[in-house]
Protein backbone atom coordinates (compact mmCIF):
# COMPACT_ATOMS: atom_id res chain seq x y z
CA MET A 1 0.08 -0.07 0.07
CA PHE A 2 1.42 3.58 -0.82
CA PHE A 3 0.58 7.01 -1.29
CA ALA A 4 0.56 8.81 -4.39
CA ASP A 5 0.02 12.82 -4.92
CA LEU A 6 -0.55 13.55 -9.01
CA HIS A 7 -1.20 16.52 -8.48
CA ILE A 8 1.44 19.25 -8.33
CA HIS A 9 3.08 21.97 -9.41
CA SER A 10 6.55 23.22 -10.55
CA ARG A 11 8.51 26.87 -10.22
CA TYR A 12 7.55 27.57 -13.07
CA SER A 13 3.81 27.52 -12.50
CA ARG A 14 2.60 31.16 -11.27
CA ALA A 15 2.38 32.08 -8.13
CA THR A 16 4.84 29.17 -7.41
CA SER A 17 7.43 28.56 -4.81
CA ARG A 18 10.98 28.88 -5.50
CA GLU A 19 11.17 24.92 -4.39
CA CYS A 20 8.98 23.77 -6.10
CA ASP A 21 12.07 21.96 -8.09
CA LEU A 22 12.66 18.15 -8.08
CA PRO A 23 15.35 18.17 -4.87
CA HIS A 24 12.64 19.41 -2.50
CA LEU A 25 9.42 17.56 -4.18
CA ASP A 26 11.96 14.46 -3.19
CA LEU A 27 12.43 15.53 0.61
CA TRP A 28 9.51 16.61 0.82
CA ALA A 29 7.27 13.75 -0.44
CA ARG A 30 9.95 11.72 2.01
CA LYS A 31 8.87 13.10 5.14
CA LYS A 32 5.43 13.15 4.11
CA GLY A 33 5.18 9.16 3.33
CA ILE A 34 4.24 9.76 -0.63
CA SER A 35 5.68 7.29 -2.60
CA LEU A 36 4.61 8.58 -6.30
CA VAL A 37 4.42 12.29 -6.50
CA GLY A 38 3.66 13.88 -10.05
CA THR A 39 6.11 15.86 -10.93
CA GLY A 40 4.13 18.98 -12.83
CA ASP A 41 3.71 20.75 -15.54
CA LEU A 42 4.82 18.25 -18.00
CA THR A 43 4.40 20.62 -21.03
CA HIS A 44 6.79 23.17 -19.82
CA PRO A 45 9.79 23.02 -21.64
CA ALA A 46 11.98 24.43 -19.34
CA TRP A 47 10.95 21.71 -16.70
CA ARG A 48 11.03 18.92 -19.06
CA GLU A 49 15.18 19.83 -18.99
CA GLU A 50 14.87 20.08 -15.93
CA LEU A 51 13.22 16.83 -15.07
CA ARG A 52 14.96 14.72 -18.18
CA GLU A 53 18.37 16.32 -16.37
CA GLN A 54 18.04 14.89 -13.00
CA LEU A 55 16.06 11.66 -13.27
CA LEU A 56 16.14 8.33 -13.83
CA PRO A 57 13.58 5.81 -14.90
CA ALA A 58 12.49 3.37 -12.49
CA GLU A 59 9.63 0.79 -12.40
CA GLU A 60 7.70 1.00 -16.08
CA GLY A 61 6.47 4.71 -16.42
CA LEU A 62 7.93 6.03 -13.50
CA TYR A 63 11.11 8.01 -12.07
CA ARG A 64 13.10 8.62 -9.61
CA LEU A 65 15.83 11.63 -9.14
CA LYS A 66 19.29 11.05 -9.37
CA GLU A 67 21.42 10.61 -5.78
CA GLU A 68 23.67 13.73 -6.84
CA TYR A 69 20.12 16.03 -6.23
CA ARG A 70 18.90 14.88 -3.25
CA LEU A 71 18.33 16.67 -0.22
CA PRO A 72 19.41 14.83 3.09
CA TRP A 73 16.64 13.87 5.97
CA ASP A 74 16.99 10.87 8.46
CA SER A 75 13.71 9.52 9.51
CA VAL A 76 12.51 6.62 10.51
CA GLY A 77 9.13 4.97 8.33
CA LEU A 78 9.72 5.74 4.76
CA GLN A 79 13.74 4.62 3.44
CA SER A 80 13.16 4.18 -0.16
CA GLN A 81 13.18 6.61 -2.94
CA PRO A 82 10.03 8.44 -3.99
CA ARG A 83 8.66 7.83 -7.61
CA PHE A 84 7.90 10.54 -10.29
CA LEU A 85 5.25 10.03 -12.70
CA LEU A 86 4.91 12.46 -15.74
CA THR A 87 1.58 15.12 -14.86
CA GLY A 88 0.41 18.48 -15.54
CA GLU A 89 -2.11 20.97 -15.58
CA ILE A 90 -3.85 22.41 -18.43
CA SER A 91 -7.03 25.02 -18.58
CA CYS A 92 -9.05 25.08 -21.08
CA ILE A 93 -10.68 28.63 -22.23
CA TYR A 94 -13.21 28.55 -24.61
CA LYS A 95 -16.85 29.16 -26.05
CA GLN A 96 -19.93 26.44 -25.59
CA ALA A 97 -23.40 26.66 -26.41
CA GLY A 98 -23.13 29.91 -25.50
CA LYS A 99 -20.95 30.71 -22.30
CA THR A 100 -17.15 31.06 -22.15
CA ARG A 101 -16.08 28.07 -20.17
CA LYS A 102 -12.93 27.10 -17.89
CA ILE A 103 -12.41 23.34 -17.46
CA HIS A 104 -9.48 22.76 -15.55
CA THR A 105 -7.51 19.25 -16.08
CA LEU A 106 -4.92 17.23 -15.06
CA LEU A 107 -2.71 14.63 -17.59
CA LEU A 108 -0.47 11.74 -16.56
CA LEU A 109 1.76 10.52 -19.85
CA PRO A 110 3.76 7.61 -19.17
CA SER A 111 7.52 9.29 -20.57
CA LEU A 112 9.50 12.06 -20.59
CA GLU A 113 9.32 11.07 -25.03
CA GLU A 114 5.35 10.67 -24.41
CA ALA A 115 5.19 14.28 -23.06
CA ASP A 116 7.39 15.53 -25.31
CA ARG A 117 5.60 14.43 -28.40
CA PHE A 118 2.58 15.49 -26.71
CA SER A 119 3.86 18.79 -26.19
CA ARG A 120 5.13 19.72 -30.08
CA ARG A 121 1.15 19.10 -30.85
CA LEU A 122 0.37 21.83 -28.62
CA GLU A 123 2.54 24.16 -29.44
CA GLN A 124 0.71 24.66 -32.44
CA VAL A 125 -2.56 25.61 -29.92
CA GLY A 126 -0.89 28.53 -27.98
CA ASN A 127 2.10 28.93 -25.28
CA LEU A 128 3.65 26.84 -23.76
CA GLN A 129 6.17 28.31 -21.95
CA GLY A 130 5.18 31.42 -20.34
CA ASP A 131 3.95 29.44 -17.46
CA GLY A 132 3.52 25.84 -16.41
CA ARG A 133 0.02 25.32 -16.55
CA PRO A 134 -1.27 26.73 -19.83
CA ILE A 135 -3.98 28.74 -20.87
CA LEU A 136 -5.12 27.11 -24.25
CA GLY A 137 -7.60 28.23 -26.10
CA LEU A 138 -9.27 24.73 -26.92
CA SER A 139 -12.04 22.48 -25.48
CA ALA A 140 -12.27 20.03 -23.02
CA ARG A 141 -12.67 17.91 -25.55
CA ASP A 142 -10.61 18.55 -28.79
CA LEU A 143 -7.79 18.74 -25.80
CA LEU A 144 -8.66 14.98 -25.02
CA GLU A 145 -8.55 13.48 -28.70
CA LEU A 146 -5.39 15.88 -29.16
CA LEU A 147 -4.23 13.86 -26.65
CA LEU A 148 -5.16 9.82 -27.27
CA ASP A 149 -4.01 10.88 -30.39
CA SER A 150 -0.74 11.10 -29.69
CA CYS A 151 -0.09 8.80 -26.32
CA PRO A 152 -3.25 6.78 -26.21
CA GLN A 153 -1.50 5.36 -23.34
CA ALA A 154 -2.06 8.88 -21.51
CA VAL A 155 -4.84 9.25 -18.91
CA MET A 156 -7.23 12.79 -18.46
CA ILE A 157 -8.97 13.73 -15.72
CA PRO A 158 -11.03 16.40 -14.46
CA ALA A 159 -9.53 18.59 -12.25
CA HIS A 160 -11.14 19.65 -8.58
CA ILE A 161 -14.34 19.20 -10.08
CA TRP A 162 -16.59 21.37 -8.44
CA THR A 163 -14.26 24.82 -8.14
CA PRO A 164 -16.76 27.77 -9.05
CA HIS A 165 -14.27 29.48 -11.96
CA PHE A 166 -11.98 26.53 -13.33
CA SER A 167 -13.65 23.36 -13.19
CA LEU A 168 -15.60 20.40 -14.86
CA LEU A 169 -19.13 21.22 -13.09
CA GLY A 170 -17.51 24.70 -11.35
CA ALA A 171 -21.07 27.16 -10.95
CA PHE A 172 -19.52 29.91 -12.82
CA SER A 173 -18.28 27.87 -16.02
CA GLY A 174 -18.39 24.72 -16.14
CA PHE A 175 -21.19 21.82 -17.09
CA ASP A 176 -24.04 19.63 -15.39
CA SER A 177 -22.03 15.97 -16.80
CA VAL A 178 -19.08 14.38 -17.92
CA GLU A 179 -20.81 14.36 -21.10
CA ALA A 180 -21.69 17.93 -21.66
CA CYS A 181 -18.54 18.89 -22.20
CA PHE A 182 -16.70 16.28 -23.70
CA GLY A 183 -19.34 14.66 -25.58
CA ASP A 184 -18.31 11.52 -28.27
CA LEU A 185 -14.94 11.20 -25.79
CA ALA A 186 -16.73 11.26 -22.51
CA PRO A 187 -16.33 6.95 -22.65
CA HIS A 188 -12.26 8.20 -22.29
CA ILE A 189 -13.20 9.78 -18.68
CA ARG A 190 -13.20 7.74 -16.04
CA ALA A 191 -11.95 9.36 -13.05
CA LEU A 192 -12.16 12.80 -11.38
CA GLU A 193 -10.20 14.56 -8.76
CA THR A 194 -12.91 15.90 -6.01
CA GLY A 195 -10.70 19.10 -4.84
CA LEU A 196 -10.28 20.55 -0.76
CA SER A 197 -13.62 21.76 -0.70
CA SER A 198 -15.76 18.24 -1.25
CA ASP A 199 -15.34 14.75 -0.45
CA PRO A 200 -16.45 10.77 -1.43
CA PRO A 201 -19.67 11.24 0.21
CA MET A 202 -20.55 14.92 -1.38
CA ASN A 203 -19.57 13.52 -5.08
CA ARG A 204 -21.69 10.45 -3.85
CA ARG A 205 -24.74 12.22 -4.08
CA VAL A 206 -24.48 12.77 -7.04
CA SER A 207 -25.93 9.45 -9.31
CA LYS A 208 -24.52 10.20 -13.09
CA LEU A 209 -21.00 10.21 -10.96
CA ASP A 210 -21.00 6.61 -10.45
CA ARG A 211 -19.27 4.86 -13.32
CA PHE A 212 -16.28 7.08 -12.38
CA GLN A 213 -13.04 6.75 -9.85
CA LEU A 214 -13.18 10.05 -7.00
CA VAL A 215 -9.46 10.90 -6.51
CA SER A 216 -7.67 12.96 -4.26
CA HIS A 217 -4.70 14.72 -4.58
CA SER A 218 -2.95 18.16 -3.49
CA ASP A 219 -2.47 20.89 -5.97
CA ALA A 220 0.60 21.88 -4.75
CA HIS A 221 2.03 25.21 -4.98
CA SER A 222 4.98 24.32 -2.83
CA PRO A 223 6.86 21.03 -1.33
CA GLN A 224 5.37 21.48 2.11
CA LYS A 225 1.80 20.87 1.19
CA LEU A 226 2.56 17.89 -0.75
CA GLY A 227 0.28 15.06 0.19
CA ARG A 228 -2.97 17.16 1.99
CA GLU A 229 -5.12 15.50 0.06
CA ALA A 230 -3.37 12.19 -1.91
CA ASP A 231 -4.98 8.70 -3.00
CA ILE A 232 -4.43 5.31 -1.41
CA VAL A 233 -3.06 2.35 -3.80
CA GLU A 234 -2.37 -0.46 -3.02
CA GLY A 235 -0.29 -3.23 -5.64
CA GLU A 236 3.09 -2.39 -8.01
CA LEU A 237 4.75 0.97 -8.28
CA SER A 238 4.21 1.47 -12.29
CA PHE A 239 2.63 3.75 -14.78
CA PRO A 240 -0.05 0.67 -16.44
CA ALA A 241 -0.90 -0.66 -11.90
CA VAL A 242 -1.14 2.99 -11.33
CA ARG A 243 -3.49 3.77 -14.38
CA THR A 244 -5.56 0.32 -13.80
CA ALA A 245 -5.98 1.68 -10.22
CA LEU A 246 -7.37 5.18 -11.22
CA GLU A 247 -9.62 4.50 -14.31
CA THR A 248 -11.07 0.51 -12.83
CA GLY A 249 -11.44 1.00 -8.89
CA ARG A 250 -8.81 -2.38 -8.97
CA GLY A 251 -6.35 -1.14 -6.47
CA LEU A 252 -7.70 2.20 -4.96
CA LEU A 253 -7.85 1.47 -1.43
CA GLY A 254 -9.42 4.74 -0.78
CA THR A 255 -7.94 8.03 -0.51
CA VAL A 256 -7.11 10.98 2.04
CA GLU A 257 -9.27 14.03 2.62
CA PHE A 258 -9.43 18.16 3.72
CA PHE A 259 -12.10 18.13 4.88
CA PRO A 260 -13.90 20.11 2.64
CA GLU A 261 -14.93 22.57 5.09
CA GLU A 262 -11.08 23.72 5.73
CA GLY A 263 -11.59 24.14 1.11
CA LYS A 264 -10.96 27.77 -0.03
CA TYR A 265 -14.53 27.40 -1.66
CA HIS A 266 -17.29 25.29 -0.07
CA LEU A 267 -19.87 27.46 1.09
CA ASP A 268 -21.27 30.43 -0.74
CA GLY A 269 -19.47 34.11 -0.35
CA HIS A 270 -18.57 37.24 -0.62
CA ARG A 271 -15.04 37.64 -0.15
CA MET A 272 -14.91 41.06 0.80
CA CYS A 273 -17.95 41.37 1.73
CA GLY A 274 -17.58 38.70 4.50
CA GLY A 275 -19.16 35.07 5.43
CA PRO A 276 -20.12 33.20 4.68
CA LEU A 277 -23.06 31.58 4.26
CA SER A 278 -25.25 28.90 3.61
CA PRO A 279 -26.98 27.88 0.06
CA GLU A 280 -30.31 28.15 1.58
CA GLU A 281 -29.13 31.81 2.91
CA THR A 282 -28.00 32.80 -0.62
CA ARG A 283 -31.00 31.66 -2.56
CA ARG A 284 -32.75 33.31 0.42
CA LEU A 285 -30.98 36.86 -0.98
CA GLY A 286 -31.21 36.50 -4.51
CA GLY A 287 -27.79 35.22 -4.69
CA ARG A 288 -26.56 38.45 -4.37
CA CYS A 289 -24.65 39.92 -1.29
CA PRO A 290 -26.55 41.46 1.92
CA ARG A 291 -23.60 43.95 1.80
CA CYS A 292 -22.34 45.53 -1.14
CA GLY A 293 -25.57 44.10 -3.38
CA ARG A 294 -22.54 42.16 -5.82
CA PRO A 295 -23.27 38.54 -6.53
CA LEU A 296 -21.69 36.46 -4.15
CA THR A 297 -19.21 32.87 -4.93
CA ILE A 298 -21.43 29.88 -5.30
CA GLY A 299 -19.80 27.38 -3.07
CA VAL A 300 -19.08 23.76 -3.56
CA GLN A 301 -21.59 22.55 -0.81
CA HIS A 302 -24.52 24.66 -2.75
CA ARG A 303 -22.80 23.38 -6.83
CA VAL A 304 -23.51 19.24 -5.71
CA GLU A 305 -27.02 20.39 -3.90
CA ASP A 306 -27.50 21.91 -7.04
CA VAL A 307 -26.82 18.71 -9.27
CA ALA A 308 -27.40 16.10 -6.59
CA ASP A 309 -30.21 13.48 -7.17
CA ARG A 310 -29.67 11.66 -3.84
CA SER A 311 -30.04 13.11 0.05
CA GLN A 312 -27.93 10.70 0.99
CA PRO A 313 -24.81 9.45 -0.58
CA ALA A 314 -24.05 6.75 -2.32
CA PRO A 315 -21.16 3.77 -0.47
CA VAL A 316 -17.45 5.07 -0.81
CA LEU A 317 -14.04 3.57 -0.74
CA PRO A 318 -12.29 4.39 2.48
CA PHE A 319 -11.67 7.67 3.65
CA GLN A 320 -9.44 9.72 6.13
CA ARG A 321 -10.83 12.95 6.09
CA LEU A 322 -7.03 15.11 8.00
CA LEU A 323 -5.98 18.19 8.89
CA PRO A 324 -2.06 19.11 7.69
CA LEU A 325 -0.25 17.94 11.09
CA PRO A 326 2.74 21.28 10.84
CA GLU A 327 -1.34 23.39 11.30
CA LEU A 328 -2.48 21.07 14.05
CA LEU A 329 0.96 21.80 16.38
CA ALA A 330 0.12 25.41 15.00
CA ALA A 331 -2.94 25.33 16.23
CA CYS A 332 -2.47 23.64 19.75
CA LEU A 333 0.97 25.72 20.02
CA GLY A 334 -1.23 29.27 19.71
CA ARG A 335 1.90 30.18 17.43
CA GLY A 336 2.02 30.32 13.14
CA GLU A 337 3.56 27.06 11.20
CA LYS A 338 6.50 28.88 10.50
CA THR A 339 7.55 28.94 13.52
CA LYS A 340 10.41 27.34 14.16
CA THR A 341 8.12 26.13 17.37
CA VAL A 342 6.59 24.71 14.87
CA GLN A 343 8.65 23.12 12.31
CA THR A 344 11.14 21.84 15.30
CA LEU A 345 8.10 19.85 17.30
CA TYR A 346 7.61 18.82 13.68
CA GLU A 347 10.48 17.37 12.30
CA GLN A 348 11.24 15.89 16.18
CA LEU A 349 7.87 14.00 15.82
CA LEU A 350 8.81 12.85 12.12
CA ALA A 351 12.22 11.76 13.23
CA ALA A 352 10.71 9.98 16.21
CA LEU A 353 7.07 8.14 14.48
CA GLY A 354 7.91 8.32 10.63
CA PRO A 355 6.58 10.45 7.54
CA GLU A 356 3.57 12.82 8.13
CA LEU A 357 0.79 10.98 6.96
CA PRO A 358 1.29 7.23 8.74
CA LEU A 359 1.50 9.67 11.30
CA LEU A 360 -1.69 11.35 11.43
CA VAL A 361 -3.13 8.09 10.74
CA GLN A 362 -1.88 5.78 12.91
CA ALA A 363 1.47 6.95 15.51
CA PRO A 364 0.02 5.49 18.81
CA LEU A 365 -1.54 8.62 20.95
CA ASP A 366 0.56 7.87 23.90
CA ARG A 367 3.88 8.42 21.73
CA VAL A 368 2.37 11.50 20.63
CA ALA A 369 1.26 12.63 24.20
CA GLU A 370 5.31 12.07 25.13
CA LEU A 371 6.06 13.91 22.20
CA ALA A 372 4.49 16.96 21.75
CA GLY A 373 2.09 17.10 25.18
CA GLU A 374 -1.56 15.10 25.50
CA PRO A 375 -3.40 18.38 24.02
CA VAL A 376 -1.96 17.81 20.50
CA ALA A 377 -2.69 13.72 21.50
CA GLN A 378 -6.22 14.70 21.96
CA VAL A 379 -6.54 17.04 18.91
CA LEU A 380 -5.30 14.40 16.84
CA SER A 381 -7.08 11.69 18.07
CA LEU A 382 -10.28 13.58 17.69
CA LEU A 383 -9.55 14.38 14.46
CA ARG A 384 -9.58 10.96 13.60
CA GLN A 385 -13.28 10.66 14.71
CA GLY A 386 -14.13 12.94 12.15
CA GLN A 387 -15.36 15.32 15.49
CA VAL A 388 -14.26 18.69 14.70
CA SER A 389 -16.23 22.37 14.09
CA TRP A 390 -15.32 24.60 11.39
CA ASP A 391 -15.51 28.48 10.39
CA PRO A 392 -15.98 26.95 7.23
CA GLY A 393 -13.90 28.76 3.96
CA TYR A 394 -15.99 30.83 0.95
CA ASP A 395 -14.92 32.93 -1.91
CA GLY A 396 -11.03 31.99 -1.24
CA VAL A 397 -10.37 32.10 2.24
CA TYR A 398 -9.54 28.97 3.79
CA GLY A 399 -11.93 27.61 6.80
CA THR A 400 -9.88 27.23 10.55
CA PRO A 401 -10.87 24.63 12.91
CA ARG A 402 -12.74 24.97 16.16
CA LEU A 403 -10.63 22.56 18.23
CA PRO A 404 -11.36 22.11 21.55
CA GLY A 405 -8.52 23.22 24.43
CA THR A 406 -6.47 25.03 21.77
CA LYS A 407 -4.97 28.84 21.06
CA ARG A 408 -6.19 28.95 17.56
CA LYS A 409 -8.18 32.71 17.31
CA GLY A 410 -10.93 32.98 15.38
CA PRO A 411 -11.71 33.08 11.74
CA PRO A 412 -9.34 34.80 9.56
CA LEU A 413 -10.84 38.51 8.83
CA PRO A 414 -11.40 37.62 4.96
CA MET A 415 -8.34 39.06 2.39
CA ALA A 416 -6.94 39.74 -1.43
CA PRO A 417 -6.84 36.64 -3.61
CA SER A 418 -4.52 34.72 -4.08
CA ARG A 419 -3.79 32.64 -6.86
CA LYS A 420 -1.64 30.07 -5.27
CA GLU A 421 -3.32 27.07 -4.75
CA GLU A 422 -6.81 27.31 -6.98
CA GLU A 423 -8.92 24.66 -4.57
């Protein structure tokens, strides 16, 4: 069994950390306990040159970092080298049925050679050098056709499918079904990425999504954000095996999830005027902000309710909602996540108990209490049981947990929009 995080970005994408390079991605994959991580940005020529220079072929369709580029880190737990799989995100902006569509898709390819061939085809459509996640005036359906013509083994997964502004089912620029978006090629779409603001039960209220595998990834714009969502896969490490798991469910054991309330677009609201608002409140207000009268940003929960045809979800694969360990420690200590106090304790816990994801899921609570204090162990116990209340996220503002016994202050004030994390 291993964790896989396939949707990430390199430093060649806009608003990303300068540390989104291969050595730091490899390092943080080890810290998080991730065995398989996406390269991100496979269409960017400079990034592909770095991949070619710094990676070595490993199992079929996978790569590993050359030893001379590895950053040192000693810990129990994951000792083998993380593997890399060629991935990238593309933004399609186009008009269909009288409406502007903005659809983000995640692509998986089996080799650098295939990535080169596919990128040469895309260069005839738009500029690939300006952004690791290029924006193309191509329909999602036509992008899929081009991808399959270039590499029949490739996989396309619609990304963060409920995000209001840039997704397959988003309230402002999406569709009401996979078929409406991809037409005759819809059968080639077999998996959907749920995004940070929804979880599997929310998606399983929509019967038209029953045939799809539900997958989860971080969409990380910095290495430290790896693994905030991930797939749990059983079987061999190889491109064909991972593709089978994602497309058929054979070998897909479940997912690691954000609490959807923490996602930036869970509820409705208007960032500059405060919030959040429930779908019922939004409907009562006619979709307008009660303070400024402008249209509210319709959140994921609202959009799911609009599309759902079940009051209760169909059965789902096992999943575990988690709070990133630095965030948990910061709340318990009343310090910022990047402060020396929090980072030192974080490294001490990993050194003693192993990488972050296995630690959060299964580390003995008595050992956590011994190393980090009883409040940390108590909060971790509540997280594992899902017993956390929230000030939910809305319109680009992350939600904040209300954790008993912690020193965290109230919810954040409205802030200017950030492009660092799309979902």
